[in-house]
Amino acid sequence: MLMKIKVKVYPNSSKERVKQELGVLKVYVSASPEKGKANKRVVDILSKYLKVKKSSLKIIRGLSSREKTVEIA
């Protein structure tokens, strides 16, 4: 079963964390949005937060945007 969640990313944050507000997960990452570094941290942080393997998470929309759609397998 596939599940999709909406994520808003805040790069260059001082503290990495996840907050849930109005059906959207706000992911704060310390990485800069250069060369996919922030996207990689988003997957790392979400996998820990959702307690799933990194390989089961995939960013399917918004690779170069702060607003992303993540698919969970």
C-alpha atoms as a PDB file:
ATOM      1  CA  MET A   1       0.000   0.000   0.000  1.00  0.00           C
ATOM      2  CA  LEU A   2       1.338   3.405  -0.971  1.00  0.00           C
ATOM      3  CA  MET A   3       0.733   6.489   1.106  1.00  0.00           C
ATOM      4  CA  LYS A   4       1.475  10.094   0.158  1.00  0.00           C
ATOM      5  CA  ILE A   5       2.211  12.905   2.596  1.00  0.00           C
ATOM      6  CA  LYS A   6       2.776  16.599   2.087  1.00  0.00           C
ATOM      7  CA  VAL A   7       6.010  17.995   3.478  1.00  0.00           C
ATOM      8  CA  LYS A   8       7.287  21.551   3.812  1.00  0.00           C
ATOM      9  CA  VAL A   9      11.062  21.803   4.164  1.00  0.00           C
ATOM     10  CA  TYR A  10      12.995  24.461   6.047  1.00  0.00           C
ATOM     11  CA  PRO A  11      16.682  24.187   5.025  1.00  0.00           C
ATOM     12  CA  ASN A  12      19.610  25.706   6.948  1.00  0.00           C
ATOM     13  CA  SER A  13      17.820  25.315  10.290  1.00  0.00           C
ATOM     14  CA  SER A  14      19.792  25.355  13.511  1.00  0.00           C
ATOM     15  CA  LYS A  15      17.940  22.317  14.878  1.00  0.00           C
ATOM     16  CA  GLU A  16      16.694  19.310  12.901  1.00  0.00           C
ATOM     17  CA  ARG A  17      13.147  18.336  13.803  1.00  0.00           C
ATOM     18  CA  VAL A  18       9.679  17.465  12.472  1.00  0.00           C
ATOM     19  CA  LYS A  19       6.484  19.320  13.385  1.00  0.00           C
ATOM     20  CA  GLN A  20       2.985  18.388  12.306  1.00  0.00           C
ATOM     21  CA  GLU A  21       0.546  21.185  11.513  1.00  0.00           C
ATOM     22  CA  LEU A  22      -2.784  20.964   9.703  1.00  0.00           C
ATOM     23  CA  GLY A  23      -1.996  17.751   7.843  1.00  0.00           C
ATOM     24  CA  VAL A  24       1.430  18.948   6.693  1.00  0.00           C
ATOM     25  CA  LEU A  25       4.732  17.772   8.124  1.00  0.00           C
ATOM     26  CA  LYS A  26       7.215  20.599   8.582  1.00  0.00           C
ATOM     27  CA  VAL A  27      10.746  19.234   8.347  1.00  0.00           C
ATOM     28  CA  TYR A  28      13.596  21.409   9.580  1.00  0.00           C
ATOM     29  CA  VAL A  29      17.010  20.336   8.243  1.00  0.00           C
ATOM     30  CA  SER A  30      20.492  21.728   8.842  1.00  0.00           C
ATOM     31  CA  ALA A  31      21.641  20.970   5.282  1.00  0.00           C
ATOM     32  CA  SER A  32      21.644  23.574   2.541  1.00  0.00           C
ATOM     33  CA  PRO A  33      19.428  23.050  -0.512  1.00  0.00           C
ATOM     34  CA  GLU A  34      22.436  22.540  -2.804  1.00  0.00           C
ATOM     35  CA  LYS A  35      23.043  19.390  -4.865  1.00  0.00           C
ATOM     36  CA  GLY A  36      20.193  17.498  -3.164  1.00  0.00           C
ATOM     37  CA  LYS A  37      21.750  17.655   0.327  1.00  0.00           C
ATOM     38  CA  ALA A  38      18.542  18.906   1.957  1.00  0.00           C
ATOM     39  CA  ASN A  39      16.453  16.257   0.162  1.00  0.00           C
ATOM     40  CA  LYS A  40      18.738  13.520   1.481  1.00  0.00           C
ATOM     41  CA  ARG A  41      18.405  14.862   5.049  1.00  0.00           C
ATOM     42  CA  VAL A  42      14.608  15.060   4.633  1.00  0.00           C
ATOM     43  CA  VAL A  43      14.511  11.340   3.790  1.00  0.00           C
ATOM     44  CA  ASP A  44      16.861  10.537   6.709  1.00  0.00           C
ATOM     45  CA  ILE A  45      14.830  12.530   9.235  1.00  0.00           C
ATOM     46  CA  LEU A  46      11.438  11.337   7.979  1.00  0.00           C
ATOM     47  CA  SER A  47      12.526   7.697   8.071  1.00  0.00           C
ATOM     48  CA  LYS A  48      13.389   8.045  11.758  1.00  0.00           C
ATOM     49  CA  TYR A  49      10.236  10.061  12.529  1.00  0.00           C
ATOM     50  CA  LEU A  50       7.914   7.624  10.719  1.00  0.00           C
ATOM     51  CA  LYS A  51       9.931   4.544  11.785  1.00  0.00           C
ATOM     52  CA  VAL A  52      10.308   3.207   8.239  1.00  0.00           C
ATOM     53  CA  LYS A  53      13.311   2.290   6.102  1.00  0.00           C
ATOM     54  CA  LYS A  54      14.894   5.041   4.018  1.00  0.00           C
ATOM     55  CA  SER A  55      14.402   2.896   0.919  1.00  0.00           C
ATOM     56  CA  SER A  56      10.619   2.976   1.404  1.00  0.00           C
ATOM     57  CA  LEU A  57      10.522   6.803   1.174  1.00  0.00           C
ATOM     58  CA  LYS A  58      10.615   8.617  -2.153  1.00  0.00           C
ATOM     59  CA  ILE A  59      10.176  12.293  -2.988  1.00  0.00           C
ATOM     60  CA  ILE A  60       7.796  12.201  -5.944  1.00  0.00           C
ATOM     61  CA  ARG A  61       7.061  15.912  -6.315  1.00  0.00           C
ATOM     62  CA  GLY A  62       8.960  19.081  -5.474  1.00  0.00           C
ATOM     63  CA  LEU A  63      12.607  18.012  -5.700  1.00  0.00           C
ATOM     64  CA  SER A  64      13.660  21.638  -6.179  1.00  0.00           C
ATOM     65  CA  SER A  65      10.882  23.173  -4.079  1.00  0.00           C
ATOM     66  CA  ARG A  66      10.318  23.626  -0.350  1.00  0.00           C
ATOM     67  CA  GLU A  67       6.910  21.974  -0.685  1.00  0.00           C
ATOM     68  CA  LYS A  68       7.245  18.287  -1.457  1.00  0.00           C
ATOM     69  CA  THR A  69       5.114  15.189  -1.772  1.00  0.00           C
ATOM     70  CA  VAL A  70       6.673  12.081  -0.276  1.00  0.00           C
ATOM     71  CA  GLU A  71       5.497   8.575  -1.082  1.00  0.00           C
ATOM     72  CA  ILE A  72       5.781   5.867   1.568  1.00  0.00           C
ATOM     73  CA  ALA A  73       5.830   2.266   0.325  1.00  0.00           C
END
